[in-house]
Amino acid sequence: SNGDSIAGMSGENKKEEFRKYLERSGVIDALTKVLVALYEEPEKPANALDFIKQYLGAPTSGDVETMRAEKEELVKKNEELTKQLEGVTAKLEGLSAGADE
């Protein structure tokens, strides 16, 4: 049966369907691997959740801060370059207007 029919099932059947779903979608396998990796880690990380996120390829809180700072830097740089481009464009328009006379 598929996930749509879970609503009408008893509690035990729902749990069994959900377990099968997690298994089919690779969730159980991925969680088992990450927990084994954490277990085998000789120096347990201070932040186990960040370890798990990193292992699964998700950005950690530190990554998010770094990306935020980089974004702000790039936005500023973009604004500077836009202003420079506007200045150069205005000069070129001035030059071409002068050449037309």
C-alpha atoms as a PDB file:
ATOM      1  CA  SER A   1       0.000   0.000   0.000  1.00  0.00           C
ATOM      2  CA  ASN A   2       1.116   3.601  -0.455  1.00  0.00           C
ATOM      3  CA  GLY A   3       1.502   6.547   1.923  1.00  0.00           C
ATOM      4  CA  ASP A   4      -1.973   7.932   1.107  1.00  0.00           C
ATOM      5  CA  SER A   5      -3.730   5.026   2.825  1.00  0.00           C
ATOM      6  CA  ILE A   6      -1.959   5.460   6.183  1.00  0.00           C
ATOM      7  CA  ALA A   7      -4.771   7.643   7.608  1.00  0.00           C
ATOM      8  CA  GLY A   8      -7.285   4.793   7.901  1.00  0.00           C
ATOM      9  CA  MET A   9      -4.922   2.330   9.588  1.00  0.00           C
ATOM     10  CA  SER A  10      -4.553   1.294  13.211  1.00  0.00           C
ATOM     11  CA  GLY A  11      -1.639   2.653  15.244  1.00  0.00           C
ATOM     12  CA  GLU A  12       0.518  -0.466  14.804  1.00  0.00           C
ATOM     13  CA  ASN A  13      -0.101  -0.586  11.043  1.00  0.00           C
ATOM     14  CA  LYS A  14       0.752   3.123  10.744  1.00  0.00           C
ATOM     15  CA  LYS A  15       4.053   2.565  12.562  1.00  0.00           C
ATOM     16  CA  GLU A  16       4.884  -0.418  10.331  1.00  0.00           C
ATOM     17  CA  GLU A  17       4.021   1.535   7.132  1.00  0.00           C
ATOM     18  CA  PHE A  18       6.116   4.467   8.330  1.00  0.00           C
ATOM     19  CA  ARG A  19       9.054   2.168   9.119  1.00  0.00           C
ATOM     20  CA  LYS A  20       8.819   0.622   5.624  1.00  0.00           C
ATOM     21  CA  TYR A  21       8.643   4.114   4.102  1.00  0.00           C
ATOM     22  CA  LEU A  22      11.778   5.227   6.003  1.00  0.00           C
ATOM     23  CA  GLU A  23      13.561   2.071   4.900  1.00  0.00           C
ATOM     24  CA  ARG A  24      12.541   2.424   1.215  1.00  0.00           C
ATOM     25  CA  SER A  25      13.582   6.078   1.095  1.00  0.00           C
ATOM     26  CA  GLY A  26      17.038   5.352   2.561  1.00  0.00           C
ATOM     27  CA  VAL A  27      16.468   7.333   5.761  1.00  0.00           C
ATOM     28  CA  ILE A  28      17.179   4.425   8.116  1.00  0.00           C
ATOM     29  CA  ASP A  29      20.361   3.567   6.208  1.00  0.00           C
ATOM     30  CA  ALA A  30      21.598   7.192   6.245  1.00  0.00           C
ATOM     31  CA  LEU A  31      20.829   7.653   9.958  1.00  0.00           C
ATOM     32  CA  THR A  32      22.480   4.347  10.832  1.00  0.00           C
ATOM     33  CA  LYS A  33      25.641   5.343   8.931  1.00  0.00           C
ATOM     34  CA  VAL A  34      25.840   8.785  10.553  1.00  0.00           C
ATOM     35  CA  LEU A  35      25.278   7.346  14.051  1.00  0.00           C
ATOM     36  CA  VAL A  36      27.946   4.692  13.457  1.00  0.00           C
ATOM     37  CA  ALA A  37      30.341   7.433  12.256  1.00  0.00           C
ATOM     38  CA  LEU A  38      29.595   9.471  15.389  1.00  0.00           C
ATOM     39  CA  TYR A  39      30.061   6.376  17.582  1.00  0.00           C
ATOM     40  CA  GLU A  40      33.409   5.588  15.917  1.00  0.00           C
ATOM     41  CA  GLU A  41      34.626   9.207  16.186  1.00  0.00           C
ATOM     42  CA  PRO A  42      37.549   9.030  18.678  1.00  0.00           C
ATOM     43  CA  GLU A  43      37.106  12.659  19.764  1.00  0.00           C
ATOM     44  CA  LYS A  44      33.385  13.240  20.239  1.00  0.00           C
ATOM     45  CA  PRO A  45      32.416  16.601  18.703  1.00  0.00           C
ATOM     46  CA  ALA A  46      31.159  19.319  21.072  1.00  0.00           C
ATOM     47  CA  ASN A  47      28.139  19.772  18.805  1.00  0.00           C
ATOM     48  CA  ALA A  48      26.806  16.357  17.789  1.00  0.00           C
ATOM     49  CA  LEU A  49      24.014  17.918  15.726  1.00  0.00           C
ATOM     50  CA  ASP A  50      26.504  19.920  13.620  1.00  0.00           C
ATOM     51  CA  PHE A  51      28.511  16.696  13.127  1.00  0.00           C
ATOM     52  CA  ILE A  52      25.372  14.950  11.859  1.00  0.00           C
ATOM     53  CA  LYS A  53      24.432  17.880   9.588  1.00  0.00           C
ATOM     54  CA  GLN A  54      27.957  18.015   8.148  1.00  0.00           C
ATOM     55  CA  TYR A  55      28.008  14.238   7.630  1.00  0.00           C
ATOM     56  CA  LEU A  56      24.704  14.444   5.752  1.00  0.00           C
ATOM     57  CA  GLY A  57      25.953  17.431   3.734  1.00  0.00           C
ATOM     58  CA  ALA A  58      23.739  20.117   5.282  1.00  0.00           C
ATOM     59  CA  PRO A  59      25.167  23.511   6.205  1.00  0.00           C
ATOM     60  CA  THR A  60      26.050  23.877   9.890  1.00  0.00           C
ATOM     61  CA  SER A  61      25.392  27.002  11.948  1.00  0.00           C
ATOM     62  CA  GLY A  62      29.001  28.115  11.324  1.00  0.00           C
ATOM     63  CA  ASP A  63      28.597  27.660   7.569  1.00  0.00           C
ATOM     64  CA  VAL A  64      25.434  29.761   7.610  1.00  0.00           C
ATOM     65  CA  GLU A  65      27.208  32.632   9.425  1.00  0.00           C
ATOM     66  CA  THR A  66      30.094  32.489   6.938  1.00  0.00           C
ATOM     67  CA  MET A  67      27.695  32.483   3.971  1.00  0.00           C
ATOM     68  CA  ARG A  68      25.783  35.444   5.443  1.00  0.00           C
ATOM     69  CA  ALA A  69      28.995  37.462   5.810  1.00  0.00           C
ATOM     70  CA  GLU A  70      30.088  36.559   2.260  1.00  0.00           C
ATOM     71  CA  LYS A  71      26.682  37.563   0.911  1.00  0.00           C
ATOM     72  CA  GLU A  72      26.853  40.973   2.631  1.00  0.00           C
ATOM     73  CA  GLU A  73      30.343  41.483   1.189  1.00  0.00           C
ATOM     74  CA  LEU A  74      29.163  40.540  -2.312  1.00  0.00           C
ATOM     75  CA  VAL A  75      26.100  42.820  -2.069  1.00  0.00           C
ATOM     76  CA  LYS A  76      28.381  45.772  -1.138  1.00  0.00           C
ATOM     77  CA  LYS A  77      30.805  44.935  -3.960  1.00  0.00           C
ATOM     78  CA  ASN A  78      27.887  44.694  -6.403  1.00  0.00           C
ATOM     79  CA  GLU A  79      26.620  48.128  -5.318  1.00  0.00           C
ATOM     80  CA  GLU A  80      30.123  49.618  -5.779  1.00  0.00           C
ATOM     81  CA  LEU A  81      30.497  48.085  -9.238  1.00  0.00           C
ATOM     82  CA  THR A  82      27.005  49.241 -10.240  1.00  0.00           C
ATOM     83  CA  LYS A  83      27.906  52.828  -9.250  1.00  0.00           C
ATOM     84  CA  GLN A  84      31.207  52.605 -11.179  1.00  0.00           C
ATOM     85  CA  LEU A  85      29.365  51.294 -14.227  1.00  0.00           C
ATOM     86  CA  GLU A  86      26.821  54.120 -14.014  1.00  0.00           C
ATOM     87  CA  GLY A  87      29.698  56.631 -13.821  1.00  0.00           C
ATOM     88  CA  VAL A  88      31.468  55.149 -16.837  1.00  0.00           C
ATOM     89  CA  THR A  89      28.197  54.976 -18.791  1.00  0.00           C
ATOM     90  CA  ALA A  90      27.493  58.659 -18.020  1.00  0.00           C
ATOM     91  CA  LYS A  91      31.022  59.634 -19.161  1.00  0.00           C
ATOM     92  CA  LEU A  92      30.620  57.666 -22.396  1.00  0.00           C
ATOM     93  CA  GLU A  93      27.245  59.298 -23.055  1.00  0.00           C
ATOM     94  CA  GLY A  94      28.859  62.684 -22.407  1.00  0.00           C
ATOM     95  CA  LEU A  95      31.682  61.896 -24.827  1.00  0.00           C
ATOM     96  CA  SER A  96      29.357  60.650 -27.563  1.00  0.00           C
ATOM     97  CA  ALA A  97      27.097  63.705 -27.110  1.00  0.00           C
ATOM     98  CA  GLY A  98      30.171  65.922 -27.451  1.00  0.00           C
ATOM     99  CA  ALA A  99      31.265  64.075 -30.596  1.00  0.00           C
ATOM    100  CA  ASP A 100      27.857  64.587 -32.228  1.00  0.00           C
ATOM    101  CA  GLU A 101      28.108  68.387 -32.002  1.00  0.00           C
END
